[in-house]
Amino acid sequence: MALGAQWYILFNVIAGAMSIPTELREMAANMQLHGWHLWRNLIIPGIFPAWVTGGITEAGGAWNASIVAEIVSWGDRTLTATGLGAFIQKATSVGDWPRIVLGVSMMSLFVVGLNRIFWRRLYRLAETKFRLG
């Protein structure tokens, strides 16, 4: 899951680094910005919004994979973990609509809550403090 999820961040950070204008890179070279000063003043503001976007996508993909992987069947063997995905799958297999709605509602509340508490704050930081221009 970690290996698959890291690609979202990697490709978004590469896109963020490539979006840094050439003029700003040339200016940093002319001002002889090196080391921490270059990172603090050019690279981090240039890639941070893309990193946050990659993090949101990565977290969603990894969480979806973990929910789906809670029940795995191979032949006559079934491995089951305890979690929301297993709860929803068990309720779905017997057609228990109240539990299906409960499971999907809890999943939705968790995703919306995490987005509002964590990712929205990071995205606001990316828009205000860490941006070029």
N, C-alpha and C. Protein backbone atom coordinates (compact mmCIF):
# COMPACT_ATOMS: atom_id res chain seq x y z
N MET A 1 0.83 -1.18 0.00
CA MET A 1 0.00 0.00 0.00
C MET A 1 0.88 1.25 0.00
N ALA A 2 1.93 1.24 0.81
CA ALA A 2 2.82 2.40 0.87
C ALA A 2 3.56 2.61 -0.44
N LEU A 3 3.99 1.52 -1.06
CA LEU A 3 4.70 1.64 -2.32
C LEU A 3 3.79 2.17 -3.42
N GLY A 4 2.56 1.73 -3.43
CA GLY A 4 1.62 2.21 -4.44
C GLY A 4 1.21 3.64 -4.20
N ALA A 5 1.08 4.03 -2.96
CA ALA A 5 0.59 5.36 -2.63
C ALA A 5 1.65 6.44 -2.83
N GLN A 6 2.91 6.09 -2.68
CA GLN A 6 3.95 7.12 -2.77
C GLN A 6 4.06 7.72 -4.16
N TRP A 7 3.60 7.00 -5.18
CA TRP A 7 3.69 7.52 -6.54
C TRP A 7 2.83 8.76 -6.73
N TYR A 8 1.69 8.83 -6.04
CA TYR A 8 0.85 10.02 -6.13
C TYR A 8 1.64 11.25 -5.69
N ILE A 9 2.33 11.12 -4.56
CA ILE A 9 3.11 12.25 -4.05
C ILE A 9 4.28 12.55 -4.97
N LEU A 10 5.00 11.52 -5.39
CA LEU A 10 6.17 11.72 -6.25
C LEU A 10 5.82 12.47 -7.52
N PHE A 11 4.81 12.01 -8.24
CA PHE A 11 4.48 12.65 -9.51
C PHE A 11 3.91 14.05 -9.31
N ASN A 12 3.18 14.28 -8.23
CA ASN A 12 2.70 15.64 -7.96
C ASN A 12 3.85 16.57 -7.60
N VAL A 13 4.82 16.09 -6.82
CA VAL A 13 5.96 16.93 -6.47
C VAL A 13 6.81 17.23 -7.71
N ILE A 14 6.98 16.25 -8.59
CA ILE A 14 7.71 16.50 -9.83
C ILE A 14 6.99 17.56 -10.65
N ALA A 15 5.67 17.46 -10.75
CA ALA A 15 4.89 18.47 -11.48
C ALA A 15 5.02 19.84 -10.82
N GLY A 16 5.02 19.88 -9.49
CA GLY A 16 5.20 21.15 -8.79
C GLY A 16 6.57 21.75 -9.03
N ALA A 17 7.59 20.92 -9.02
CA ALA A 17 8.95 21.41 -9.28
C ALA A 17 9.09 21.90 -10.71
N MET A 18 8.45 21.21 -11.64
CA MET A 18 8.52 21.64 -13.04
C MET A 18 7.74 22.92 -13.29
N SER A 19 6.79 23.23 -12.41
CA SER A 19 5.99 24.44 -12.60
C SER A 19 6.67 25.69 -12.03
N ILE A 20 7.80 25.52 -11.37
CA ILE A 20 8.54 26.69 -10.89
C ILE A 20 9.07 27.43 -12.12
N PRO A 21 8.72 28.70 -12.27
CA PRO A 21 9.13 29.43 -13.47
C PRO A 21 10.65 29.50 -13.62
N THR A 22 11.09 29.41 -14.85
CA THR A 22 12.53 29.48 -15.15
C THR A 22 13.13 30.78 -14.65
N GLU A 23 12.36 31.87 -14.74
CA GLU A 23 12.87 33.16 -14.28
C GLU A 23 13.19 33.14 -12.78
N LEU A 24 12.36 32.45 -11.99
CA LEU A 24 12.63 32.37 -10.56
C LEU A 24 13.86 31.51 -10.27
N ARG A 25 14.03 30.43 -11.04
CA ARG A 25 15.23 29.60 -10.86
C ARG A 25 16.49 30.39 -11.23
N GLU A 26 16.41 31.16 -12.32
CA GLU A 26 17.56 31.98 -12.72
C GLU A 26 17.85 33.07 -11.69
N MET A 27 16.78 33.67 -11.14
CA MET A 27 16.96 34.69 -10.11
C MET A 27 17.64 34.10 -8.88
N ALA A 28 17.21 32.91 -8.47
CA ALA A 28 17.83 32.26 -7.31
C ALA A 28 19.30 31.98 -7.57
N ALA A 29 19.62 31.57 -8.79
CA ALA A 29 21.03 31.33 -9.13
C ALA A 29 21.81 32.64 -9.12
N ASN A 30 21.23 33.72 -9.66
CA ASN A 30 21.92 35.01 -9.67
C ASN A 30 22.11 35.57 -8.27
N MET A 31 21.17 35.30 -7.39
CA MET A 31 21.29 35.76 -6.01
C MET A 31 22.13 34.80 -5.17
N GLN A 32 22.63 33.76 -5.80
CA GLN A 32 23.48 32.76 -5.17
C GLN A 32 22.80 32.11 -3.95
N LEU A 33 21.54 31.77 -4.15
CA LEU A 33 20.82 31.04 -3.10
C LEU A 33 21.25 29.58 -3.17
N HIS A 34 21.71 29.07 -2.06
CA HIS A 34 22.13 27.67 -1.99
C HIS A 34 21.63 27.07 -0.69
N GLY A 35 21.60 25.75 -0.64
CA GLY A 35 21.27 25.04 0.59
C GLY A 35 19.89 25.37 1.12
N TRP A 36 19.84 25.64 2.42
CA TRP A 36 18.57 25.88 3.09
C TRP A 36 17.85 27.11 2.56
N HIS A 37 18.58 28.16 2.21
CA HIS A 37 17.94 29.38 1.69
C HIS A 37 17.22 29.10 0.38
N LEU A 38 17.82 28.30 -0.50
CA LEU A 38 17.18 27.94 -1.76
C LEU A 38 15.92 27.12 -1.49
N TRP A 39 16.01 26.15 -0.59
CA TRP A 39 14.86 25.32 -0.27
C TRP A 39 13.75 26.15 0.37
N ARG A 40 14.11 27.01 1.32
CA ARG A 40 13.10 27.77 2.06
C ARG A 40 12.42 28.82 1.19
N ASN A 41 13.15 29.44 0.29
CA ASN A 41 12.61 30.55 -0.47
C ASN A 41 12.09 30.19 -1.86
N LEU A 42 12.50 29.05 -2.41
CA LEU A 42 12.05 28.71 -3.76
C LEU A 42 11.45 27.31 -3.86
N ILE A 43 12.17 26.32 -3.43
CA ILE A 43 11.75 24.94 -3.70
C ILE A 43 10.52 24.55 -2.88
N ILE A 44 10.53 24.79 -1.57
CA ILE A 44 9.38 24.41 -0.74
C ILE A 44 8.12 25.18 -1.15
N PRO A 45 8.18 26.52 -1.34
CA PRO A 45 6.96 27.19 -1.82
C PRO A 45 6.51 26.70 -3.20
N GLY A 46 7.45 26.25 -4.01
CA GLY A 46 7.08 25.78 -5.34
C GLY A 46 6.44 24.41 -5.35
N ILE A 47 6.86 23.53 -4.44
CA ILE A 47 6.34 22.16 -4.48
C ILE A 47 5.29 21.87 -3.41
N PHE A 48 5.17 22.70 -2.39
CA PHE A 48 4.26 22.38 -1.28
C PHE A 48 2.80 22.22 -1.71
N PRO A 49 2.25 23.13 -2.54
CA PRO A 49 0.86 22.90 -2.97
C PRO A 49 0.68 21.58 -3.72
N ALA A 50 1.65 21.23 -4.54
CA ALA A 50 1.58 19.96 -5.27
C ALA A 50 1.73 18.78 -4.31
N TRP A 51 2.56 18.93 -3.29
CA TRP A 51 2.72 17.86 -2.29
C TRP A 51 1.42 17.63 -1.54
N VAL A 52 0.73 18.71 -1.19
CA VAL A 52 -0.55 18.57 -0.48
C VAL A 52 -1.56 17.87 -1.37
N THR A 53 -1.64 18.26 -2.64
CA THR A 53 -2.56 17.61 -3.57
C THR A 53 -2.22 16.13 -3.71
N GLY A 54 -0.94 15.81 -3.83
CA GLY A 54 -0.51 14.41 -3.90
C GLY A 54 -0.83 13.66 -2.61
N GLY A 55 -0.68 14.33 -1.48
CA GLY A 55 -1.00 13.70 -0.20
C GLY A 55 -2.48 13.37 -0.06
N ILE A 56 -3.33 14.28 -0.52
CA ILE A 56 -4.77 14.03 -0.47
C ILE A 56 -5.11 12.82 -1.34
N THR A 57 -4.58 12.80 -2.54
CA THR A 57 -4.85 11.70 -3.46
C THR A 57 -4.29 10.39 -2.93
N GLU A 58 -3.09 10.44 -2.40
CA GLU A 58 -2.42 9.25 -1.84
C GLU A 58 -3.18 8.70 -0.65
N ALA A 59 -3.62 9.58 0.24
CA ALA A 59 -4.35 9.12 1.42
C ALA A 59 -5.66 8.45 1.03
N GLY A 60 -6.36 9.03 0.06
CA GLY A 60 -7.60 8.43 -0.40
C GLY A 60 -7.38 7.07 -1.05
N GLY A 61 -6.37 6.99 -1.90
CA GLY A 61 -6.08 5.72 -2.56
C GLY A 61 -5.65 4.64 -1.58
N ALA A 62 -4.80 5.00 -0.64
CA ALA A 62 -4.33 4.02 0.35
C ALA A 62 -5.48 3.58 1.25
N TRP A 63 -6.34 4.50 1.64
CA TRP A 63 -7.45 4.14 2.50
C TRP A 63 -8.44 3.24 1.77
N ASN A 64 -8.70 3.56 0.50
CA ASN A 64 -9.59 2.68 -0.28
C ASN A 64 -9.01 1.28 -0.40
N ALA A 65 -7.71 1.19 -0.64
CA ALA A 65 -7.08 -0.12 -0.76
C ALA A 65 -7.16 -0.88 0.56
N SER A 66 -6.98 -0.20 1.67
CA SER A 66 -7.03 -0.89 2.96
C SER A 66 -8.45 -1.35 3.29
N ILE A 67 -9.45 -0.58 2.91
CA ILE A 67 -10.84 -0.98 3.14
C ILE A 67 -11.16 -2.23 2.32
N VAL A 68 -10.77 -2.22 1.05
CA VAL A 68 -11.05 -3.35 0.17
C VAL A 68 -10.29 -4.59 0.62
N ALA A 69 -9.09 -4.42 1.16
CA ALA A 69 -8.24 -5.56 1.52
C ALA A 69 -8.61 -6.20 2.85
N GLU A 70 -9.65 -5.73 3.50
CA GLU A 70 -10.01 -6.32 4.79
C GLU A 70 -10.62 -7.71 4.65
N ILE A 71 -11.12 -8.02 3.48
CA ILE A 71 -11.62 -9.38 3.21
C ILE A 71 -11.00 -9.85 1.90
N VAL A 72 -10.22 -10.92 1.99
CA VAL A 72 -9.55 -11.47 0.81
C VAL A 72 -9.91 -12.94 0.70
N SER A 73 -10.37 -13.33 -0.48
CA SER A 73 -10.71 -14.73 -0.72
C SER A 73 -9.80 -15.29 -1.80
N TRP A 74 -9.34 -16.51 -1.58
CA TRP A 74 -8.52 -17.22 -2.56
C TRP A 74 -8.93 -18.67 -2.50
N GLY A 75 -9.62 -19.12 -3.53
CA GLY A 75 -10.11 -20.50 -3.52
C GLY A 75 -11.16 -20.67 -2.43
N ASP A 76 -10.92 -21.64 -1.55
CA ASP A 76 -11.87 -21.87 -0.46
C ASP A 76 -11.44 -21.18 0.84
N ARG A 77 -10.35 -20.41 0.80
CA ARG A 77 -9.87 -19.71 2.00
C ARG A 77 -10.30 -18.25 1.95
N THR A 78 -10.75 -17.74 3.09
CA THR A 78 -11.12 -16.33 3.22
C THR A 78 -10.45 -15.78 4.47
N LEU A 79 -9.69 -14.71 4.28
CA LEU A 79 -9.05 -14.01 5.39
C LEU A 79 -9.84 -12.73 5.66
N THR A 80 -10.17 -12.51 6.91
CA THR A 80 -10.98 -11.35 7.28
C THR A 80 -10.29 -10.57 8.39
N ALA A 81 -10.19 -9.27 8.19
CA ALA A 81 -9.69 -8.37 9.23
C ALA A 81 -10.89 -7.69 9.87
N THR A 82 -10.67 -7.09 11.01
CA THR A 82 -11.73 -6.36 11.68
C THR A 82 -11.62 -4.90 11.26
N GLY A 83 -12.66 -4.38 10.67
CA GLY A 83 -12.63 -2.99 10.24
C GLY A 83 -13.89 -2.61 9.50
N LEU A 84 -13.90 -1.39 9.03
CA LEU A 84 -15.07 -0.84 8.36
C LEU A 84 -15.37 -1.57 7.05
N GLY A 85 -14.33 -1.89 6.28
CA GLY A 85 -14.54 -2.60 5.02
C GLY A 85 -15.17 -3.96 5.23
N ALA A 86 -14.68 -4.69 6.23
CA ALA A 86 -15.26 -6.01 6.53
C ALA A 86 -16.70 -5.87 7.02
N PHE A 87 -16.96 -4.83 7.81
CA PHE A 87 -18.31 -4.59 8.30
C PHE A 87 -19.27 -4.35 7.14
N ILE A 88 -18.86 -3.48 6.19
CA ILE A 88 -19.71 -3.18 5.04
C ILE A 88 -19.89 -4.42 4.16
N GLN A 89 -18.83 -5.18 3.96
CA GLN A 89 -18.91 -6.36 3.10
C GLN A 89 -19.84 -7.42 3.71
N LYS A 90 -19.73 -7.64 5.02
CA LYS A 90 -20.60 -8.62 5.68
C LYS A 90 -22.06 -8.19 5.61
N ALA A 91 -22.31 -6.91 5.84
CA ALA A 91 -23.69 -6.41 5.76
C ALA A 91 -24.22 -6.51 4.34
N THR A 92 -23.37 -6.26 3.35
CA THR A 92 -23.79 -6.35 1.96
C THR A 92 -24.08 -7.79 1.55
N SER A 93 -23.26 -8.72 2.04
CA SER A 93 -23.45 -10.12 1.65
C SER A 93 -24.77 -10.70 2.14
N VAL A 94 -25.30 -10.18 3.26
CA VAL A 94 -26.58 -10.68 3.76
C VAL A 94 -27.74 -9.73 3.44
N GLY A 95 -27.43 -8.60 2.79
CA GLY A 95 -28.49 -7.65 2.42
C GLY A 95 -29.05 -6.87 3.57
N ASP A 96 -28.27 -6.61 4.60
CA ASP A 96 -28.71 -5.87 5.79
C ASP A 96 -28.57 -4.37 5.51
N TRP A 97 -29.62 -3.77 4.92
CA TRP A 97 -29.56 -2.38 4.49
C TRP A 97 -29.28 -1.39 5.63
N PRO A 98 -29.85 -1.52 6.80
CA PRO A 98 -29.52 -0.56 7.86
C PRO A 98 -28.02 -0.55 8.20
N ARG A 99 -27.39 -1.73 8.24
CA ARG A 99 -25.95 -1.78 8.52
C ARG A 99 -25.12 -1.28 7.33
N ILE A 100 -25.58 -1.53 6.13
CA ILE A 100 -24.87 -0.99 4.95
C ILE A 100 -24.87 0.53 5.01
N VAL A 101 -26.05 1.11 5.26
CA VAL A 101 -26.17 2.57 5.34
C VAL A 101 -25.32 3.10 6.49
N LEU A 102 -25.33 2.41 7.63
CA LEU A 102 -24.51 2.83 8.77
C LEU A 102 -23.02 2.81 8.40
N GLY A 103 -22.57 1.73 7.78
CA GLY A 103 -21.16 1.63 7.41
C GLY A 103 -20.74 2.68 6.42
N VAL A 104 -21.53 2.89 5.38
CA VAL A 104 -21.21 3.90 4.36
C VAL A 104 -21.28 5.30 4.98
N SER A 105 -22.24 5.53 5.86
CA SER A 105 -22.34 6.83 6.53
C SER A 105 -21.13 7.10 7.41
N MET A 106 -20.69 6.10 8.16
CA MET A 106 -19.50 6.27 9.01
C MET A 106 -18.26 6.53 8.15
N MET A 107 -18.15 5.82 7.04
CA MET A 107 -17.03 6.03 6.14
C MET A 107 -17.06 7.45 5.58
N SER A 108 -18.22 7.92 5.19
CA SER A 108 -18.36 9.28 4.66
C SER A 108 -18.03 10.33 5.72
N LEU A 109 -18.53 10.12 6.94
CA LEU A 109 -18.22 11.06 8.03
C LEU A 109 -16.73 11.11 8.33
N PHE A 110 -16.09 9.96 8.30
CA PHE A 110 -14.65 9.90 8.56
C PHE A 110 -13.88 10.66 7.48
N VAL A 111 -14.23 10.43 6.22
CA VAL A 111 -13.52 11.10 5.12
C VAL A 111 -13.75 12.61 5.16
N VAL A 112 -14.98 13.04 5.34
CA VAL A 112 -15.28 14.47 5.40
C VAL A 112 -14.60 15.10 6.61
N GLY A 113 -14.66 14.43 7.75
CA GLY A 113 -14.01 14.97 8.95
C GLY A 113 -12.51 15.10 8.79
N LEU A 114 -11.87 14.08 8.25
CA LEU A 114 -10.42 14.14 8.03
C LEU A 114 -10.06 15.25 7.04
N ASN A 115 -10.87 15.39 5.98
CA ASN A 115 -10.60 16.46 5.01
C ASN A 115 -10.74 17.84 5.65
N ARG A 116 -11.74 18.01 6.46
CA ARG A 116 -11.95 19.33 7.08
C ARG A 116 -10.91 19.64 8.16
N ILE A 117 -10.55 18.65 8.94
CA ILE A 117 -9.63 18.89 10.05
C ILE A 117 -8.18 18.97 9.59
N PHE A 118 -7.78 18.08 8.70
CA PHE A 118 -6.36 17.98 8.35
C PHE A 118 -6.04 18.56 6.98
N TRP A 119 -6.64 18.03 5.92
CA TRP A 119 -6.23 18.41 4.58
C TRP A 119 -6.62 19.83 4.21
N ARG A 120 -7.77 20.30 4.65
CA ARG A 120 -8.17 21.68 4.33
C ARG A 120 -7.20 22.68 4.95
N ARG A 121 -6.75 22.42 6.17
CA ARG A 121 -5.78 23.32 6.81
C ARG A 121 -4.46 23.33 6.06
N LEU A 122 -4.00 22.15 5.65
CA LEU A 122 -2.76 22.10 4.87
C LEU A 122 -2.91 22.81 3.53
N TYR A 123 -4.05 22.64 2.90
CA TYR A 123 -4.26 23.29 1.61
C TYR A 123 -4.33 24.80 1.77
N ARG A 124 -4.96 25.27 2.84
CA ARG A 124 -5.02 26.71 3.11
C ARG A 124 -3.61 27.25 3.36
N LEU A 125 -2.78 26.50 4.08
CA LEU A 125 -1.39 26.88 4.29
C LEU A 125 -0.64 26.94 2.97
N ALA A 126 -0.90 25.98 2.10
CA ALA A 126 -0.25 25.97 0.79
C ALA A 126 -0.67 27.17 -0.04
N GLU A 127 -1.92 27.60 0.08
CA GLU A 127 -2.41 28.73 -0.70
C GLU A 127 -1.91 30.07 -0.17
N THR A 128 -1.68 30.16 1.13
CA THR A 128 -1.32 31.45 1.72
C THR A 128 0.19 31.61 1.93
N LYS A 129 0.78 30.73 2.68
CA LYS A 129 2.19 30.90 3.05
C LYS A 129 3.15 30.33 2.01
N PHE A 130 2.88 29.13 1.53
CA PHE A 130 3.78 28.47 0.61
C PHE A 130 3.24 28.56 -0.81
N ARG A 131 3.50 29.65 -1.44
CA ARG A 131 3.13 29.80 -2.85
C ARG A 131 4.11 30.76 -3.51
N LEU A 132 4.23 30.61 -4.78
CA LEU A 132 5.10 31.51 -5.54
C LEU A 132 4.26 32.63 -6.12
N GLY A 133 4.74 33.83 -6.00
CA GLY A 133 4.04 34.95 -6.62
C GLY A 133 3.53 35.96 -5.67
